Amino acid sequence: AIGERRAKSLGIEHLFQGRENKLVVLDKLLAELNLSYEQVAYLGDDLPDLPVIRRVGLGMAVANAAGFVREHAHGITRARGGEGAAREFCELILSAQGNLEAAHSAYL
């Protein structure tokens, strides 16, 4: 319930929690949205995340992710999960797109 409320407050339309096979869920979502794996950025921390991390265009692990997951990720956040890793991940993407300053200025 908390995750659902937080997602709604952030305008997140698609939230999937407690899924064992995340790749199956992602397959369905990509088909629904007509997107490819290369268009996906994903941040994970444990073995169930690994198939997705390895398949998507940008698959990263949080600093305190399982070692095996970190070994196979495209990159690792400086922040640990629950301590700013998601923000760091989003800012990395916004920066690469040239949109970070605009995102920050919306709060000034």
PDB file of N, CA and C in Angstrom:
ATOM      1  N   ALA A   1       0.821  -1.193   0.000  1.00  0.00           N
ATOM      2  CA  ALA A   1       0.000   0.000   0.000  1.00  0.00           C
ATOM      3  C   ALA A   1       0.865   1.258   0.000  1.00  0.00           C
ATOM      4  N   ILE A   2       1.950   1.244   0.774  1.00  0.00           N
ATOM      5  CA  ILE A   2       2.827   2.415   0.833  1.00  0.00           C
ATOM      6  C   ILE A   2       3.470   2.656  -0.524  1.00  0.00           C
ATOM      7  N   GLY A   3       3.956   1.584  -1.142  1.00  0.00           N
ATOM      8  CA  GLY A   3       4.578   1.703  -2.460  1.00  0.00           C
ATOM      9  C   GLY A   3       3.610   2.234  -3.496  1.00  0.00           C
ATOM     10  N   GLU A   4       2.374   1.774  -3.432  1.00  0.00           N
ATOM     11  CA  GLU A   4       1.359   2.234  -4.379  1.00  0.00           C
ATOM     12  C   GLU A   4       1.066   3.720  -4.194  1.00  0.00           C
ATOM     13  N   ARG A   5       0.943   4.156  -2.951  1.00  0.00           N
ATOM     14  CA  ARG A   5       0.681   5.583  -2.681  1.00  0.00           C
ATOM     15  C   ARG A   5       1.853   6.442  -3.150  1.00  0.00           C
ATOM     16  N   ARG A   6       3.060   5.991  -2.870  1.00  0.00           N
ATOM     17  CA  ARG A   6       4.247   6.754  -3.281  1.00  0.00           C
ATOM     18  C   ARG A   6       4.325   6.833  -4.799  1.00  0.00           C
ATOM     19  N   ALA A   7       4.087   5.721  -5.482  1.00  0.00           N
ATOM     20  CA  ALA A   7       4.122   5.707  -6.946  1.00  0.00           C
ATOM     21  C   ALA A   7       3.076   6.660  -7.513  1.00  0.00           C
ATOM     22  N   LYS A   8       1.887   6.632  -6.942  1.00  0.00           N
ATOM     23  CA  LYS A   8       0.821   7.520  -7.418  1.00  0.00           C
ATOM     24  C   LYS A   8       1.206   8.980  -7.226  1.00  0.00           C
ATOM     25  N   SER A   9       1.802   9.301  -6.077  1.00  0.00           N
ATOM     26  CA  SER A   9       2.187  10.691  -5.808  1.00  0.00           C
ATOM     27  C   SER A   9       3.280  11.175  -6.757  1.00  0.00           C
ATOM     28  N   LEU A  10       4.069  10.248  -7.290  1.00  0.00           N
ATOM     29  CA  LEU A  10       5.140  10.595  -8.230  1.00  0.00           C
ATOM     30  C   LEU A  10       4.697  10.514  -9.691  1.00  0.00           C
ATOM     31  N   GLY A  11       3.449  10.121  -9.916  1.00  0.00           N
ATOM     32  CA  GLY A  11       2.954  10.011 -11.284  1.00  0.00           C
ATOM     33  C   GLY A  11       3.431   8.759 -11.999  1.00  0.00           C
ATOM     34  N   ILE A  12       3.819   7.746 -11.245  1.00  0.00           N
ATOM     35  CA  ILE A  12       4.271   6.482 -11.840  1.00  0.00           C
ATOM     36  C   ILE A  12       3.048   5.661 -12.203  1.00  0.00           C
ATOM     37  N   GLU A  13       2.913   5.344 -13.471  1.00  0.00           N
ATOM     38  CA  GLU A  13       1.733   4.637 -13.960  1.00  0.00           C
ATOM     39  C   GLU A  13       1.823   3.126 -13.812  1.00  0.00           C
ATOM     40  N   HIS A  14       3.015   2.580 -13.893  1.00  0.00           N
ATOM     41  CA  HIS A  14       3.183   1.124 -13.892  1.00  0.00           C
ATOM     42  C   HIS A  14       4.042   0.709 -12.705  1.00  0.00           C
ATOM     43  N   LEU A  15       3.444   0.000 -11.759  1.00  0.00           N
ATOM     44  CA  LEU A  15       4.150  -0.467 -10.573  1.00  0.00           C
ATOM     45  C   LEU A  15       3.893  -1.958 -10.417  1.00  0.00           C
ATOM     46  N   PHE A  16       4.957  -2.722 -10.340  1.00  0.00           N
ATOM     47  CA  PHE A  16       4.854  -4.169 -10.164  1.00  0.00           C
ATOM     48  C   PHE A  16       5.688  -4.542  -8.951  1.00  0.00           C
ATOM     49  N   GLN A  17       5.045  -5.102  -7.940  1.00  0.00           N
ATOM     50  CA  GLN A  17       5.748  -5.461  -6.714  1.00  0.00           C
ATOM     51  C   GLN A  17       5.616  -6.957  -6.447  1.00  0.00           C
ATOM     52  N   GLY A  18       6.629  -7.516  -5.805  1.00  0.00           N
ATOM     53  CA  GLY A  18       6.572  -8.913  -5.392  1.00  0.00           C
ATOM     54  C   GLY A  18       6.540  -9.900  -6.538  1.00  0.00           C
ATOM     55  N   ARG A  19       7.202  -9.591  -7.617  1.00  0.00           N
ATOM     56  CA  ARG A  19       7.222 -10.486  -8.772  1.00  0.00           C
ATOM     57  C   ARG A  19       8.505 -11.304  -8.772  1.00  0.00           C
ATOM     58  N   GLU A  20       8.370 -12.622  -8.918  1.00  0.00           N
ATOM     59  CA  GLU A  20       9.553 -13.477  -8.948  1.00  0.00           C
ATOM     60  C   GLU A  20      10.280 -13.377 -10.277  1.00  0.00           C
ATOM     61  N   ASN A  21       9.529 -13.441 -11.383  1.00  0.00           N
ATOM     62  CA  ASN A  21      10.162 -13.395 -12.698  1.00  0.00           C
ATOM     63  C   ASN A  21       9.926 -12.016 -13.310  1.00  0.00           C
ATOM     64  N   LYS A  22      10.843 -11.131 -13.042  1.00  0.00           N
ATOM     65  CA  LYS A  22      10.699  -9.746 -13.479  1.00  0.00           C
ATOM     66  C   LYS A  22      10.808  -9.600 -14.988  1.00  0.00           C
ATOM     67  N   LEU A  23      11.521 -10.508 -15.631  1.00  0.00           N
ATOM     68  CA  LEU A  23      11.672 -10.443 -17.082  1.00  0.00           C
ATOM     69  C   LEU A  23      10.338 -10.705 -17.781  1.00  0.00           C
ATOM     70  N   VAL A  24       9.537 -11.612 -17.248  1.00  0.00           N
ATOM     71  CA  VAL A  24       8.214 -11.893 -17.819  1.00  0.00           C
ATOM     72  C   VAL A  24       7.328 -10.656 -17.707  1.00  0.00           C
ATOM     73  N   VAL A  25       7.354 -10.009 -16.555  1.00  0.00           N
ATOM     74  CA  VAL A  25       6.559  -8.793 -16.351  1.00  0.00           C
ATOM     75  C   VAL A  25       7.026  -7.699 -17.305  1.00  0.00           C
ATOM     76  N   LEU A  26       8.341  -7.551 -17.442  1.00  0.00           N
ATOM     77  CA  LEU A  26       8.878  -6.526 -18.339  1.00  0.00           C
ATOM     78  C   LEU A  26       8.511  -6.819 -19.787  1.00  0.00           C
ATOM     79  N   ASP A  27       8.562  -8.077 -20.192  1.00  0.00           N
ATOM     80  CA  ASP A  27       8.158  -8.447 -21.558  1.00  0.00           C
ATOM     81  C   ASP A  27       6.744  -7.955 -21.861  1.00  0.00           C
ATOM     82  N   LYS A  28       5.834  -8.200 -20.940  1.00  0.00           N
ATOM     83  CA  LYS A  28       4.436  -7.788 -21.130  1.00  0.00           C
ATOM     84  C   LYS A  28       4.315  -6.266 -21.198  1.00  0.00           C
ATOM     85  N   LEU A  29       5.025  -5.571 -20.318  1.00  0.00           N
ATOM     86  CA  LEU A  29       4.957  -4.112 -20.303  1.00  0.00           C
ATOM     87  C   LEU A  29       5.534  -3.519 -21.584  1.00  0.00           C
ATOM     88  N   LEU A  30       6.657  -4.046 -22.045  1.00  0.00           N
ATOM     89  CA  LEU A  30       7.258  -3.539 -23.280  1.00  0.00           C
ATOM     90  C   LEU A  30       6.327  -3.751 -24.466  1.00  0.00           C
ATOM     91  N   ALA A  31       5.670  -4.894 -24.518  1.00  0.00           N
ATOM     92  CA  ALA A  31       4.719  -5.154 -25.604  1.00  0.00           C
ATOM     93  C   ALA A  31       3.556  -4.166 -25.537  1.00  0.00           C
ATOM     94  N   GLU A  32       3.056  -3.922 -24.338  1.00  0.00           N
ATOM     95  CA  GLU A  32       1.941  -2.988 -24.147  1.00  0.00           C
ATOM     96  C   GLU A  32       2.322  -1.572 -24.561  1.00  0.00           C
ATOM     97  N   LEU A  33       3.550  -1.163 -24.255  1.00  0.00           N
ATOM     98  CA  LEU A  33       3.994   0.202 -24.529  1.00  0.00           C
ATOM     99  C   LEU A  33       4.722   0.344 -25.860  1.00  0.00           C
ATOM    100  N   ASN A  34       4.884  -0.769 -26.559  1.00  0.00           N
ATOM    101  CA  ASN A  34       5.586  -0.791 -27.847  1.00  0.00           C
ATOM    102  C   ASN A  34       7.007  -0.220 -27.716  1.00  0.00           C
ATOM    103  N   LEU A  35       7.734  -0.730 -26.734  1.00  0.00           N
ATOM    104  CA  LEU A  35       9.112  -0.321 -26.483  1.00  0.00           C
ATOM    105  C   LEU A  35      10.040  -1.519 -26.614  1.00  0.00           C
ATOM    106  N   SER A  36      11.334  -1.243 -26.743  1.00  0.00           N
ATOM    107  CA  SER A  36      12.336  -2.308 -26.820  1.00  0.00           C
ATOM    108  C   SER A  36      13.163  -2.324 -25.537  1.00  0.00           C
ATOM    109  N   TYR A  37      13.871  -3.407 -25.317  1.00  0.00           N
ATOM    110  CA  TYR A  37      14.749  -3.509 -24.147  1.00  0.00           C
ATOM    111  C   TYR A  37      15.795  -2.403 -24.136  1.00  0.00           C
ATOM    112  N   GLU A  38      16.273  -2.027 -25.305  1.00  0.00           N
ATOM    113  CA  GLU A  38      17.310  -0.997 -25.395  1.00  0.00           C
ATOM    114  C   GLU A  38      16.831   0.350 -24.866  1.00  0.00           C
ATOM    115  N   GLN A  39      15.532   0.555 -24.795  1.00  0.00           N
ATOM    116  CA  GLN A  39      14.965   1.817 -24.326  1.00  0.00           C
ATOM    117  C   GLN A  39      14.728   1.835 -22.814  1.00  0.00           C
ATOM    118  N   VAL A  40      15.133   0.781 -22.135  1.00  0.00           N
ATOM    119  CA  VAL A  40      14.848   0.634 -20.710  1.00  0.00           C
ATOM    120  C   VAL A  40      16.092   0.871 -19.866  1.00  0.00           C
ATOM    121  N   ALA A  41      15.917   1.616 -18.779  1.00  0.00           N
ATOM    122  CA  ALA A  41      16.931   1.760 -17.736  1.00  0.00           C
ATOM    123  C   ALA A  41      16.363   1.092 -16.492  1.00  0.00           C
ATOM    124  N   TYR A  42      17.187   0.312 -15.818  1.00  0.00           N
ATOM    125  CA  TYR A  42      16.719  -0.501 -14.695  1.00  0.00           C
ATOM    126  C   TYR A  42      17.752  -0.478 -13.582  1.00  0.00           C
ATOM    127  N   LEU A  43      17.288  -0.340 -12.356  1.00  0.00           N
ATOM    128  CA  LEU A  43      18.154  -0.327 -11.182  1.00  0.00           C
ATOM    129  C   LEU A  43      17.722  -1.457 -10.259  1.00  0.00           C
ATOM    130  N   GLY A  44      18.661  -2.323  -9.896  1.00  0.00           N
ATOM    131  CA  GLY A  44      18.322  -3.455  -9.048  1.00  0.00           C
ATOM    132  C   GLY A  44      19.374  -3.738  -8.002  1.00  0.00           C
ATOM    133  N   ASP A  45      19.074  -4.753  -7.178  1.00  0.00           N
ATOM    134  CA  ASP A  45      19.996  -5.066  -6.086  1.00  0.00           C
ATOM    135  C   ASP A  45      20.187  -6.548  -5.800  1.00  0.00           C
ATOM    136  N   ASP A  46      19.354  -7.413  -6.364  1.00  0.00           N
ATOM    137  CA  ASP A  46      19.446  -8.817  -5.974  1.00  0.00           C
ATOM    138  C   ASP A  46      19.285  -9.738  -7.182  1.00  0.00           C
ATOM    139  N   LEU A  47      19.475 -11.018  -6.961  1.00  0.00           N
ATOM    140  CA  LEU A  47      19.483 -11.987  -8.057  1.00  0.00           C
ATOM    141  C   LEU A  47      18.238 -11.954  -8.946  1.00  0.00           C
ATOM    142  N   PRO A  48      17.016 -11.766  -8.406  1.00  0.00           N
ATOM    143  CA  PRO A  48      15.860 -11.693  -9.308  1.00  0.00           C
ATOM    144  C   PRO A  48      15.932 -10.527 -10.301  1.00  0.00           C
ATOM    145  N   ASP A  49      16.744  -9.520 -10.002  1.00  0.00           N
ATOM    146  CA  ASP A  49      16.909  -8.377 -10.902  1.00  0.00           C
ATOM    147  C   ASP A  49      17.910  -8.652 -12.018  1.00  0.00           C
ATOM    148  N   LEU A  50      18.756  -9.639 -11.841  1.00  0.00           N
ATOM    149  CA  LEU A  50      19.870  -9.863 -12.756  1.00  0.00           C
ATOM    150  C   LEU A  50      19.464 -10.112 -14.210  1.00  0.00           C
ATOM    151  N   PRO A  51      18.458 -10.942 -14.504  1.00  0.00           N
ATOM    152  CA  PRO A  51      18.092 -11.131 -15.917  1.00  0.00           C
ATOM    153  C   PRO A  51      17.692  -9.824 -16.605  1.00  0.00           C
ATOM    154  N   VAL A  52      17.008  -8.952 -15.879  1.00  0.00           N
ATOM    155  CA  VAL A  52      16.600  -7.667 -16.455  1.00  0.00           C
ATOM    156  C   VAL A  52      17.815  -6.761 -16.613  1.00  0.00           C
ATOM    157  N   ILE A  53      18.648  -6.683 -15.589  1.00  0.00           N
ATOM    158  CA  ILE A  53      19.847  -5.844 -15.648  1.00  0.00           C
ATOM    159  C   ILE A  53      20.699  -6.199 -16.862  1.00  0.00           C
ATOM    160  N   ARG A  54      20.823  -7.478 -17.136  1.00  0.00           N
ATOM    161  CA  ARG A  54      21.666  -7.924 -18.255  1.00  0.00           C
ATOM    162  C   ARG A  54      21.024  -7.681 -19.617  1.00  0.00           C
ATOM    163  N   ARG A  55      19.708  -7.524 -19.658  1.00  0.00           N
ATOM    164  CA  ARG A  55      18.986  -7.458 -20.937  1.00  0.00           C
ATOM    165  C   ARG A  55      18.708  -6.038 -21.419  1.00  0.00           C
ATOM    166  N   VAL A  56      18.566  -5.092 -20.494  1.00  0.00           N
ATOM    167  CA  VAL A  56      18.118  -3.744 -20.864  1.00  0.00           C
ATOM    168  C   VAL A  56      19.260  -2.863 -21.362  1.00  0.00           C
ATOM    169  N   GLY A  57      18.891  -1.716 -21.915  1.00  0.00           N
ATOM    170  CA  GLY A  57      19.879  -0.773 -22.433  1.00  0.00           C
ATOM    171  C   GLY A  57      20.809  -0.243 -21.361  1.00  0.00           C
ATOM    172  N   LEU A  58      20.280   0.062 -20.183  1.00  0.00           N
ATOM    173  CA  LEU A  58      21.087   0.504 -19.047  1.00  0.00           C
ATOM    174  C   LEU A  58      20.612  -0.248 -17.814  1.00  0.00           C
ATOM    175  N   GLY A  59      21.410  -1.184 -17.364  1.00  0.00           N
ATOM    176  CA  GLY A  59      21.090  -1.973 -16.182  1.00  0.00           C
ATOM    177  C   GLY A  59      22.124  -1.726 -15.108  1.00  0.00           C
ATOM    178  N   MET A  60      21.709  -1.079 -14.031  1.00  0.00           N
ATOM    179  CA  MET A  60      22.648  -0.725 -12.967  1.00  0.00           C
ATOM    180  C   MET A  60      22.260  -1.384 -11.652  1.00  0.00           C
ATOM    181  N   ALA A  61      23.236  -1.446 -10.759  1.00  0.00           N
ATOM    182  CA  ALA A  61      23.034  -1.996  -9.424  1.00  0.00           C
ATOM    183  C   ALA A  61      23.303  -0.910  -8.393  1.00  0.00           C
ATOM    184  N   VAL A  62      22.630  -1.024  -7.254  1.00  0.00           N
ATOM    185  CA  VAL A  62      22.904  -0.106  -6.151  1.00  0.00           C
ATOM    186  C   VAL A  62      24.198  -0.538  -5.468  1.00  0.00           C
ATOM    187  N   ALA A  63      24.800   0.370  -4.716  1.00  0.00           N
ATOM    188  CA  ALA A  63      26.109   0.114  -4.099  1.00  0.00           C
ATOM    189  C   ALA A  63      26.121  -1.123  -3.209  1.00  0.00           C
ATOM    190  N   ASN A  64      25.026  -1.391  -2.522  1.00  0.00           N
ATOM    191  CA  ASN A  64      24.981  -2.539  -1.620  1.00  0.00           C
ATOM    192  C   ASN A  64      24.260  -3.740  -2.231  1.00  0.00           C
ATOM    193  N   ALA A  65      24.219  -3.809  -3.550  1.00  0.00           N
ATOM    194  CA  ALA A  65      23.626  -4.962  -4.234  1.00  0.00           C
ATOM    195  C   ALA A  65      24.480  -6.200  -3.996  1.00  0.00           C
ATOM    196  N   ALA A  66      23.892  -7.344  -4.223  1.00  0.00           N
ATOM    197  CA  ALA A  66      24.637  -8.598  -4.140  1.00  0.00           C
ATOM    198  C   ALA A  66      25.843  -8.522  -5.076  1.00  0.00           C
ATOM    199  N   GLY A  67      26.969  -9.053  -4.641  1.00  0.00           N
ATOM    200  CA  GLY A  67      28.205  -8.977  -5.424  1.00  0.00           C
ATOM    201  C   GLY A  67      28.059  -9.490  -6.835  1.00  0.00           C
ATOM    202  N   PHE A  68      27.363 -10.606  -7.011  1.00  0.00           N
ATOM    203  CA  PHE A  68      27.177 -11.189  -8.336  1.00  0.00           C
ATOM    204  C   PHE A  68      26.393 -10.246  -9.239  1.00  0.00           C
ATOM    205  N   VAL A  69      25.438  -9.534  -8.663  1.00  0.00           N
ATOM    206  CA  VAL A  69      24.646  -8.565  -9.426  1.00  0.00           C
ATOM    207  C   VAL A  69      25.530  -7.391  -9.836  1.00  0.00           C
ATOM    208  N   ARG A  70      26.329  -6.883  -8.908  1.00  0.00           N
ATOM    209  CA  ARG A  70      27.237  -5.770  -9.228  1.00  0.00           C
ATOM    210  C   ARG A  70      28.199  -6.153 -10.349  1.00  0.00           C
ATOM    211  N   GLU A  71      28.679  -7.383 -10.350  1.00  0.00           N
ATOM    212  CA  GLU A  71      29.621  -7.845 -11.376  1.00  0.00           C
ATOM    213  C   GLU A  71      29.031  -7.782 -12.782  1.00  0.00           C
ATOM    214  N   HIS A  72      27.724  -7.960 -12.905  1.00  0.00           N
ATOM    215  CA  HIS A  72      27.083  -8.037 -14.219  1.00  0.00           C
ATOM    216  C   HIS A  72      26.349  -6.764 -14.627  1.00  0.00           C
ATOM    217  N   ALA A  73      26.334  -5.772 -13.760  1.00  0.00           N
ATOM    218  CA  ALA A  73      25.638  -4.518 -14.064  1.00  0.00           C
ATOM    219  C   ALA A  73      26.497  -3.638 -14.964  1.00  0.00           C
ATOM    220  N   HIS A  74      25.840  -2.756 -15.713  1.00  0.00           N
ATOM    221  CA  HIS A  74      26.556  -1.781 -16.546  1.00  0.00           C
ATOM    222  C   HIS A  74      27.265  -0.747 -15.688  1.00  0.00           C
ATOM    223  N   GLY A  75      26.755  -0.521 -14.500  1.00  0.00           N
ATOM    224  CA  GLY A  75      27.339   0.446 -13.585  1.00  0.00           C
ATOM    225  C   GLY A  75      26.779   0.243 -12.192  1.00  0.00           C
ATOM    226  N   ILE A  76      27.393   0.899 -11.222  1.00  0.00           N
ATOM    227  CA  ILE A  76      26.983   0.777  -9.824  1.00  0.00           C
ATOM    228  C   ILE A  76      26.842   2.183  -9.251  1.00  0.00           C
ATOM    229  N   THR A  77      25.745   2.431  -8.564  1.00  0.00           N
ATOM    230  CA  THR A  77      25.560   3.739  -7.942  1.00  0.00           C
ATOM    231  C   THR A  77      26.532   3.893  -6.774  1.00  0.00           C
ATOM    232  N   ARG A  78      26.837   5.129  -6.430  1.00  0.00           N
ATOM    233  CA  ARG A  78      27.647   5.390  -5.237  1.00  0.00           C
ATOM    234  C   ARG A  78      26.805   5.175  -3.983  1.00  0.00           C
ATOM    235  N   ALA A  79      25.526   5.538  -4.090  1.00  0.00           N
ATOM    236  CA  ALA A  79      24.615   5.432  -2.950  1.00  0.00           C
ATOM    237  C   ALA A  79      24.095   4.003  -2.797  1.00  0.00           C
ATOM    238  N   ARG A  80      23.791   3.666  -1.565  1.00  0.00           N
ATOM    239  CA  ARG A  80      23.210   2.362  -1.261  1.00  0.00           C
ATOM    240  C   ARG A  80      21.699   2.416  -1.494  1.00  0.00           C
ATOM    241  N   GLY A  81      21.106   1.245  -1.673  1.00  0.00           N
ATOM    242  CA  GLY A  81      19.657   1.166  -1.811  1.00  0.00           C
ATOM    243  C   GLY A  81      18.973   1.752  -0.588  1.00  0.00           C
ATOM    244  N   GLY A  82      17.967   2.584  -0.792  1.00  0.00           N
ATOM    245  CA  GLY A  82      17.264   3.222   0.312  1.00  0.00           C
ATOM    246  C   GLY A  82      17.967   4.449   0.858  1.00  0.00           C
ATOM    247  N   GLU A  83      19.115   4.790   0.265  1.00  0.00           N
ATOM    248  CA  GLU A  83      19.886   5.942   0.746  1.00  0.00           C
ATOM    249  C   GLU A  83      20.248   6.890  -0.397  1.00  0.00           C
ATOM    250  N   GLY A  84      19.355   7.004  -1.371  1.00  0.00           N
ATOM    251  CA  GLY A  84      19.572   7.946  -2.465  1.00  0.00           C
ATOM    252  C   GLY A  84      19.994   7.327  -3.779  1.00  0.00           C
ATOM    253  N   ALA A  85      20.033   6.005  -3.865  1.00  0.00           N
ATOM    254  CA  ALA A  85      20.460   5.350  -5.106  1.00  0.00           C
ATOM    255  C   ALA A  85      19.494   5.632  -6.257  1.00  0.00           C
ATOM    256  N   ALA A  86      18.201   5.613  -5.981  1.00  0.00           N
ATOM    257  CA  ALA A  86      17.224   5.866  -7.046  1.00  0.00           C
ATOM    258  C   ALA A  86      17.355   7.299  -7.563  1.00  0.00           C
ATOM    259  N   ARG A  87      17.548   8.248  -6.661  1.00  0.00           N
ATOM    260  CA  ARG A  87      17.742   9.646  -7.080  1.00  0.00           C
ATOM    261  C   ARG A  87      19.001   9.760  -7.935  1.00  0.00           C
ATOM    262  N   GLU A  88      20.081   9.141  -7.490  1.00  0.00           N
ATOM    263  CA  GLU A  88      21.335   9.172  -8.246  1.00  0.00           C
ATOM    264  C   GLU A  88      21.136   8.588  -9.647  1.00  0.00           C
ATOM    265  N   PHE A  89      20.421   7.486  -9.721  1.00  0.00           N
ATOM    266  CA  PHE A  89      20.138   6.818 -10.994  1.00  0.00           C
ATOM    267  C   PHE A  89      19.337   7.736 -11.917  1.00  0.00           C
ATOM    268  N   CYS A  90      18.291   8.349 -11.383  1.00  0.00           N
ATOM    269  CA  CYS A  90      17.463   9.260 -12.183  1.00  0.00           C
ATOM    270  C   CYS A  90      18.259  10.477 -12.636  1.00  0.00           C
ATOM    271  N   GLU A  91      19.077  11.021 -11.747  1.00  0.00           N
ATOM    272  CA  GLU A  91      19.887  12.187 -12.116  1.00  0.00           C
ATOM    273  C   GLU A  91      20.931  11.833 -13.166  1.00  0.00           C
ATOM    274  N   LEU A  92      21.467  10.628 -13.121  1.00  0.00           N
ATOM    275  CA  LEU A  92      22.398  10.167 -14.149  1.00  0.00           C
ATOM    276  C   LEU A  92      21.724  10.172 -15.521  1.00  0.00           C
ATOM    277  N   ILE A  93      20.514   9.667 -15.573  1.00  0.00           N
ATOM    278  CA  ILE A  93      19.762   9.615 -16.831  1.00  0.00           C
ATOM    279  C   ILE A  93      19.406  11.023 -17.297  1.00  0.00           C
ATOM    280  N   LEU A  94      18.879  11.842 -16.398  1.00  0.00           N
ATOM    281  CA  LEU A  94      18.531  13.219 -16.759  1.00  0.00           C
ATOM    282  C   LEU A  94      19.747  13.986 -17.250  1.00  0.00           C
ATOM    283  N   SER A  95      20.883  13.792 -16.611  1.00  0.00           N
ATOM    284  CA  SER A  95      22.116  14.460 -17.026  1.00  0.00           C
ATOM    285  C   SER A  95      22.536  14.015 -18.421  1.00  0.00           C
ATOM    286  N   ALA A  96      22.474  12.720 -18.682  1.00  0.00           N
ATOM    287  CA  ALA A  96      22.850  12.194 -20.001  1.00  0.00           C
ATOM    288  C   ALA A  96      21.934  12.737 -21.093  1.00  0.00           C
ATOM    289  N   GLN A  97      20.686  13.010 -20.733  1.00  0.00           N
ATOM    290  CA  GLN A  97      19.724  13.555 -21.693  1.00  0.00           C
ATOM    291  C   GLN A  97      19.811  15.075 -21.796  1.00  0.00           C
ATOM    292  N   GLY A  98      20.613  15.692 -20.951  1.00  0.00           N
ATOM    293  CA  GLY A  98      20.709  17.148 -20.934  1.00  0.00           C
ATOM    294  C   GLY A  98      19.536  17.814 -20.244  1.00  0.00           C
ATOM    295  N   ASN A  99      18.843  17.091 -19.370  1.00  0.00           N
ATOM    296  CA  ASN A  99      17.636  17.608 -18.728  1.00  0.00           C
ATOM    297  C   ASN A  99      17.755  17.814 -17.222  1.00  0.00           C
ATOM    298  N   LEU A 100      18.927  17.583 -16.654  1.00  0.00           N
ATOM    299  CA  LEU A 100      19.062  17.660 -15.200  1.00  0.00           C
ATOM    300  C   LEU A 100      18.847  19.078 -14.676  1.00  0.00           C
ATOM    301  N   GLU A 101      19.444  20.055 -15.326  1.00  0.00           N
ATOM    302  CA  GLU A 101      19.302  21.441 -14.867  1.00  0.00           C
ATOM    303  C   GLU A 101      17.842  21.877 -14.901  1.00  0.00           C
ATOM    304  N   ALA A 102      17.132  21.519 -15.950  1.00  0.00           N
ATOM    305  CA  ALA A 102      15.713  21.874 -16.047  1.00  0.00           C
ATOM    306  C   ALA A 102      14.907  21.194 -14.943  1.00  0.00           C
ATOM    307  N   ALA A 103      15.243  19.962 -14.642  1.00  0.00           N
ATOM    308  CA  ALA A 103      14.540  19.246 -13.573  1.00  0.00           C
ATOM    309  C   ALA A 103      14.792  19.918 -12.229  1.00  0.00           C
ATOM    310  N   HIS A 104      16.013  20.326 -11.987  1.00  0.00           N
ATOM    311  CA  HIS A 104      16.337  21.015 -10.731  1.00  0.00           C
ATOM    312  C   HIS A 104      15.686  22.392 -10.669  1.00  0.00           C
ATOM    313  N   SER A 105      15.696  23.116 -11.777  1.00  0.00           N
ATOM    314  CA  SER A 105      15.160  24.484 -11.771  1.00  0.00           C
ATOM    315  C   SER A 105      13.661  24.513 -11.499  1.00  0.00           C
ATOM    316  N   ALA A 106      12.984  23.411 -11.738  1.00  0.00           N
ATOM    317  CA  ALA A 106      11.551  23.351 -11.452  1.00  0.00           C
ATOM    318  C   ALA A 106      11.277  23.512  -9.961  1.00  0.00           C
ATOM    319  N   TYR A 107      12.300  23.309  -9.132  1.00  0.00           N
ATOM    320  CA  TYR A 107      12.136  23.409  -7.684  1.00  0.00           C
ATOM    321  C   TYR A 107      12.686  24.707  -7.107  1.00  0.00           C
ATOM    322  N   LEU A 108      13.195  25.579  -7.958  1.00  0.00           N
ATOM    323  CA  LEU A 108      13.756  26.849  -7.480  1.00  0.00           C
ATOM    324  C   LEU A 108      12.714  27.946  -7.452  1.00  0.00           C
TER     325      LEU A 108
END
